Every structure is written in C-alpha cells, then in structure tokens.
Amino acid sequence: MDLVRKIMDRELTPLQRDTVIKYYIEDMTLAQIAQERYVNVTTVWRSLLGAMRRIRRFALLDEEECEETVNSVRKNRVKGCNRPGK
C-alpha cells in the first residue's frame, strides 16, 4: 500500500489522484464525480483510466525497480524531459 501511495503522490496529476481517491476510497460513482466537477462522465472515466494505467505500470515492477523508475522519471521531468531514459 505504501508503494501505491508513493506512485500516486509522484506520478499522478492532482486531478487523477483526486479521481482515484473519490472513486475507490470514498465510493463515489463516476456520475457523482462528474457532477461535482461540472464535466462529462467520459472525462472522469478517462482520468481514472489514465491514473490506473500509470499505477499499474509502476506496480508491476518489483519494489526496487519501481523505486528506481519512479525516481528517475521524476529527475528527468525536473530536467524538462517527459520520458524515462531520455
């Protein structure tokens, strides 16, 4: 669970993080979240889908690989690069 929190904090946008929390922790429906944000349900679904893809991408690595990848992606972003290894 700590690993998922770390991934959420470091790799998700604030909107993606909020969507995951509202949907999975606060048990809000996509329609409720959409209504709260004044957006289409599809917009919320895409935010949730993108967040889950990012979480899965990092969670499928073993913990050491994940830590290394998350940290390297963050360092590269600070340098203005969007992709790992660049």
N, C-alpha and C. Protein backbone atom coordinates (compact mmCIF):
# COMPACT_ATOMS: atom_id res chain seq x y z
N MET A 1 0.82 -1.19 0.00
CA MET A 1 0.00 0.00 0.00
C MET A 1 0.87 1.26 0.00
N ASP A 2 2.00 1.22 0.69
CA ASP A 2 2.90 2.38 0.70
C ASP A 2 3.40 2.66 -0.71
N LEU A 3 3.67 1.61 -1.46
CA LEU A 3 4.15 1.76 -2.82
C LEU A 3 3.09 2.45 -3.69
N VAL A 4 1.84 2.05 -3.55
CA VAL A 4 0.76 2.67 -4.33
C VAL A 4 0.63 4.15 -3.95
N ARG A 5 0.72 4.45 -2.67
CA ARG A 5 0.64 5.86 -2.24
C ARG A 5 1.79 6.67 -2.83
N LYS A 6 2.97 6.08 -2.84
CA LYS A 6 4.13 6.77 -3.40
C LYS A 6 3.93 7.01 -4.89
N ILE A 7 3.45 6.01 -5.60
CA ILE A 7 3.19 6.17 -7.03
C ILE A 7 2.14 7.25 -7.25
N MET A 8 1.07 7.21 -6.46
CA MET A 8 0.02 8.23 -6.60
C MET A 8 0.56 9.63 -6.35
N ASP A 9 1.37 9.77 -5.33
CA ASP A 9 1.92 11.09 -4.99
C ASP A 9 2.88 11.61 -6.05
N ARG A 10 3.68 10.72 -6.60
CA ARG A 10 4.74 11.14 -7.51
C ARG A 10 4.37 11.12 -8.98
N GLU A 11 3.46 10.24 -9.36
CA GLU A 11 3.24 10.01 -10.79
C GLU A 11 1.88 10.44 -11.32
N LEU A 12 0.92 10.69 -10.45
CA LEU A 12 -0.40 11.10 -10.92
C LEU A 12 -0.55 12.60 -10.84
N THR A 13 -1.36 13.13 -11.73
CA THR A 13 -1.70 14.54 -11.63
C THR A 13 -2.63 14.72 -10.42
N PRO A 14 -2.75 15.92 -9.91
CA PRO A 14 -3.69 16.13 -8.80
C PRO A 14 -5.12 15.69 -9.14
N LEU A 15 -5.53 15.92 -10.39
CA LEU A 15 -6.88 15.52 -10.81
C LEU A 15 -7.02 14.00 -10.84
N GLN A 16 -6.01 13.31 -11.35
CA GLN A 16 -6.03 11.84 -11.37
C GLN A 16 -6.06 11.29 -9.94
N ARG A 17 -5.22 11.84 -9.09
CA ARG A 17 -5.16 11.40 -7.69
C ARG A 17 -6.52 11.58 -7.02
N ASP A 18 -7.12 12.75 -7.21
CA ASP A 18 -8.43 13.04 -6.62
C ASP A 18 -9.49 12.08 -7.14
N THR A 19 -9.43 11.77 -8.43
CA THR A 19 -10.40 10.85 -9.03
C THR A 19 -10.27 9.46 -8.42
N VAL A 20 -9.05 8.97 -8.28
CA VAL A 20 -8.83 7.64 -7.69
C VAL A 20 -9.35 7.61 -6.26
N ILE A 21 -9.05 8.62 -5.49
CA ILE A 21 -9.49 8.67 -4.09
C ILE A 21 -11.02 8.69 -4.00
N LYS A 22 -11.64 9.55 -4.79
CA LYS A 22 -13.10 9.65 -4.73
C LYS A 22 -13.77 8.36 -5.20
N TYR A 23 -13.24 7.75 -6.24
CA TYR A 23 -13.88 6.55 -6.79
C TYR A 23 -13.64 5.32 -5.92
N TYR A 24 -12.39 5.08 -5.54
CA TYR A 24 -12.08 3.84 -4.82
C TYR A 24 -12.16 3.95 -3.30
N ILE A 25 -11.89 5.10 -2.75
CA ILE A 25 -11.88 5.22 -1.29
C ILE A 25 -13.19 5.81 -0.77
N GLU A 26 -13.67 6.85 -1.45
CA GLU A 26 -14.90 7.50 -0.99
C GLU A 26 -16.15 6.88 -1.63
N ASP A 27 -15.98 5.89 -2.48
CA ASP A 27 -17.08 5.16 -3.14
C ASP A 27 -18.05 6.06 -3.91
N MET A 28 -17.53 7.10 -4.51
CA MET A 28 -18.38 7.93 -5.36
C MET A 28 -18.47 7.29 -6.74
N THR A 29 -19.57 7.49 -7.41
CA THR A 29 -19.71 6.98 -8.78
C THR A 29 -19.06 7.97 -9.74
N LEU A 30 -18.84 7.49 -10.96
CA LEU A 30 -18.29 8.38 -11.98
C LEU A 30 -19.24 9.55 -12.22
N ALA A 31 -20.53 9.28 -12.21
CA ALA A 31 -21.52 10.33 -12.42
C ALA A 31 -21.48 11.37 -11.30
N GLN A 32 -21.31 10.93 -10.08
CA GLN A 32 -21.23 11.87 -8.95
C GLN A 32 -19.99 12.75 -9.06
N ILE A 33 -18.87 12.15 -9.42
CA ILE A 33 -17.63 12.92 -9.57
C ILE A 33 -17.78 13.91 -10.72
N ALA A 34 -18.36 13.47 -11.82
CA ALA A 34 -18.57 14.34 -12.97
C ALA A 34 -19.48 15.52 -12.61
N GLN A 35 -20.53 15.23 -11.89
CA GLN A 35 -21.45 16.29 -11.48
C GLN A 35 -20.75 17.30 -10.57
N GLU A 36 -19.94 16.81 -9.66
CA GLU A 36 -19.20 17.68 -8.74
C GLU A 36 -18.24 18.60 -9.50
N ARG A 37 -17.67 18.09 -10.58
CA ARG A 37 -16.67 18.85 -11.36
C ARG A 37 -17.28 19.59 -12.54
N TYR A 38 -18.55 19.39 -12.78
CA TYR A 38 -19.23 20.01 -13.93
C TYR A 38 -18.59 19.58 -15.25
N VAL A 39 -18.30 18.28 -15.35
CA VAL A 39 -17.75 17.72 -16.58
C VAL A 39 -18.55 16.50 -16.98
N ASN A 40 -18.25 15.97 -18.15
CA ASN A 40 -18.88 14.77 -18.67
C ASN A 40 -18.34 13.54 -17.94
N VAL A 41 -19.17 12.51 -17.82
CA VAL A 41 -18.74 11.26 -17.18
C VAL A 41 -17.54 10.67 -17.92
N THR A 42 -17.50 10.81 -19.24
CA THR A 42 -16.39 10.29 -20.03
C THR A 42 -15.07 10.94 -19.62
N THR A 43 -15.11 12.21 -19.29
CA THR A 43 -13.91 12.92 -18.85
C THR A 43 -13.38 12.32 -17.56
N VAL A 44 -14.27 12.02 -16.64
CA VAL A 44 -13.87 11.41 -15.37
C VAL A 44 -13.33 10.01 -15.62
N TRP A 45 -14.00 9.26 -16.48
CA TRP A 45 -13.56 7.90 -16.80
C TRP A 45 -12.15 7.91 -17.39
N ARG A 46 -11.88 8.84 -18.28
CA ARG A 46 -10.54 8.92 -18.88
C ARG A 46 -9.48 9.27 -17.83
N SER A 47 -9.82 10.13 -16.91
CA SER A 47 -8.90 10.48 -15.83
C SER A 47 -8.59 9.26 -14.97
N LEU A 48 -9.64 8.52 -14.63
CA LEU A 48 -9.47 7.31 -13.82
C LEU A 48 -8.67 6.25 -14.57
N LEU A 49 -8.98 6.06 -15.84
CA LEU A 49 -8.28 5.08 -16.66
C LEU A 49 -6.79 5.42 -16.78
N GLY A 50 -6.50 6.67 -17.04
CA GLY A 50 -5.10 7.10 -17.13
C GLY A 50 -4.36 6.89 -15.83
N ALA A 51 -5.02 7.19 -14.72
CA ALA A 51 -4.40 7.00 -13.41
C ALA A 51 -4.12 5.53 -13.15
N MET A 52 -5.07 4.67 -13.45
CA MET A 52 -4.88 3.25 -13.19
C MET A 52 -3.80 2.65 -14.09
N ARG A 53 -3.69 3.15 -15.30
CA ARG A 53 -2.62 2.67 -16.19
C ARG A 53 -1.25 3.04 -15.62
N ARG A 54 -1.14 4.26 -15.12
CA ARG A 54 0.14 4.69 -14.54
C ARG A 54 0.46 3.89 -13.28
N ILE A 55 -0.53 3.68 -12.43
CA ILE A 55 -0.31 2.90 -11.21
C ILE A 55 0.12 1.49 -11.57
N ARG A 56 -0.60 0.88 -12.50
CA ARG A 56 -0.28 -0.49 -12.92
C ARG A 56 1.12 -0.58 -13.52
N ARG A 57 1.46 0.41 -14.31
CA ARG A 57 2.78 0.42 -14.97
C ARG A 57 3.90 0.32 -13.94
N PHE A 58 3.80 1.06 -12.87
CA PHE A 58 4.84 1.05 -11.85
C PHE A 58 4.67 -0.10 -10.86
N ALA A 59 3.45 -0.49 -10.55
CA ALA A 59 3.22 -1.54 -9.56
C ALA A 59 3.63 -2.91 -10.08
N LEU A 60 3.66 -3.10 -11.39
CA LEU A 60 4.05 -4.40 -11.94
C LEU A 60 5.55 -4.65 -11.83
N LEU A 61 6.32 -3.60 -11.60
CA LEU A 61 7.75 -3.77 -11.37
C LEU A 61 7.96 -4.27 -9.95
N ASP A 62 9.08 -4.93 -9.67
CA ASP A 62 9.32 -5.25 -8.28
C ASP A 62 9.64 -3.94 -7.55
N GLU A 63 9.59 -3.96 -6.24
CA GLU A 63 9.67 -2.72 -5.47
C GLU A 63 10.93 -1.91 -5.75
N GLU A 64 12.06 -2.58 -5.89
CA GLU A 64 13.32 -1.87 -6.15
C GLU A 64 13.29 -1.21 -7.53
N GLU A 65 12.82 -1.95 -8.54
CA GLU A 65 12.72 -1.40 -9.90
C GLU A 65 11.76 -0.22 -9.92
N CYS A 66 10.66 -0.37 -9.21
CA CYS A 66 9.66 0.69 -9.17
C CYS A 66 10.25 1.95 -8.55
N GLU A 67 10.91 1.80 -7.43
CA GLU A 67 11.52 2.94 -6.75
C GLU A 67 12.52 3.63 -7.67
N GLU A 68 13.33 2.84 -8.34
CA GLU A 68 14.34 3.38 -9.25
C GLU A 68 13.68 4.10 -10.43
N THR A 69 12.65 3.49 -11.01
CA THR A 69 11.97 4.08 -12.16
C THR A 69 11.23 5.35 -11.78
N VAL A 70 10.50 5.31 -10.67
CA VAL A 70 9.76 6.48 -10.22
C VAL A 70 10.72 7.63 -9.97
N ASN A 71 11.83 7.36 -9.31
CA ASN A 71 12.79 8.41 -9.02
C ASN A 71 13.45 8.94 -10.29
N SER A 72 13.77 8.06 -11.24
CA SER A 72 14.43 8.52 -12.46
C SER A 72 13.46 9.33 -13.32
N VAL A 73 12.20 8.94 -13.37
CA VAL A 73 11.22 9.71 -14.13
C VAL A 73 11.08 11.09 -13.53
N ARG A 74 11.03 11.19 -12.22
CA ARG A 74 10.91 12.47 -11.54
C ARG A 74 12.13 13.35 -11.84
N LYS A 75 13.31 12.79 -11.77
CA LYS A 75 14.53 13.56 -12.04
C LYS A 75 14.52 14.06 -13.48
N ASN A 76 14.11 13.21 -14.42
CA ASN A 76 14.07 13.61 -15.82
C ASN A 76 13.05 14.71 -16.07
N ARG A 77 11.93 14.66 -15.37
CA ARG A 77 10.92 15.70 -15.53
C ARG A 77 11.46 17.04 -15.06
N VAL A 78 12.21 17.01 -13.97
CA VAL A 78 12.79 18.24 -13.46
C VAL A 78 13.72 18.85 -14.50
N LYS A 79 14.40 18.00 -15.26
CA LYS A 79 15.30 18.47 -16.32
C LYS A 79 14.54 18.87 -17.58
N GLY A 80 13.23 18.67 -17.60
CA GLY A 80 12.42 19.04 -18.75
C GLY A 80 12.16 17.90 -19.72
N CYS A 81 12.44 16.70 -19.32
CA CYS A 81 12.22 15.54 -20.17
C CYS A 81 10.97 14.81 -19.69
N ASN A 82 10.15 14.32 -20.62
CA ASN A 82 8.91 13.67 -20.25
C ASN A 82 8.97 12.15 -20.24
N ARG A 83 9.99 11.57 -20.83
CA ARG A 83 10.04 10.12 -20.92
C ARG A 83 11.24 9.57 -20.19
N PRO A 84 11.06 8.42 -19.51
CA PRO A 84 12.21 7.80 -18.84
C PRO A 84 13.30 7.44 -19.86
N GLY A 85 14.53 7.57 -19.44
CA GLY A 85 15.65 7.19 -20.29
C GLY A 85 16.09 8.26 -21.26
N LYS A 86 15.44 9.40 -21.24
CA LYS A 86 15.83 10.48 -22.16
C LYS A 86 16.57 11.55 -21.39
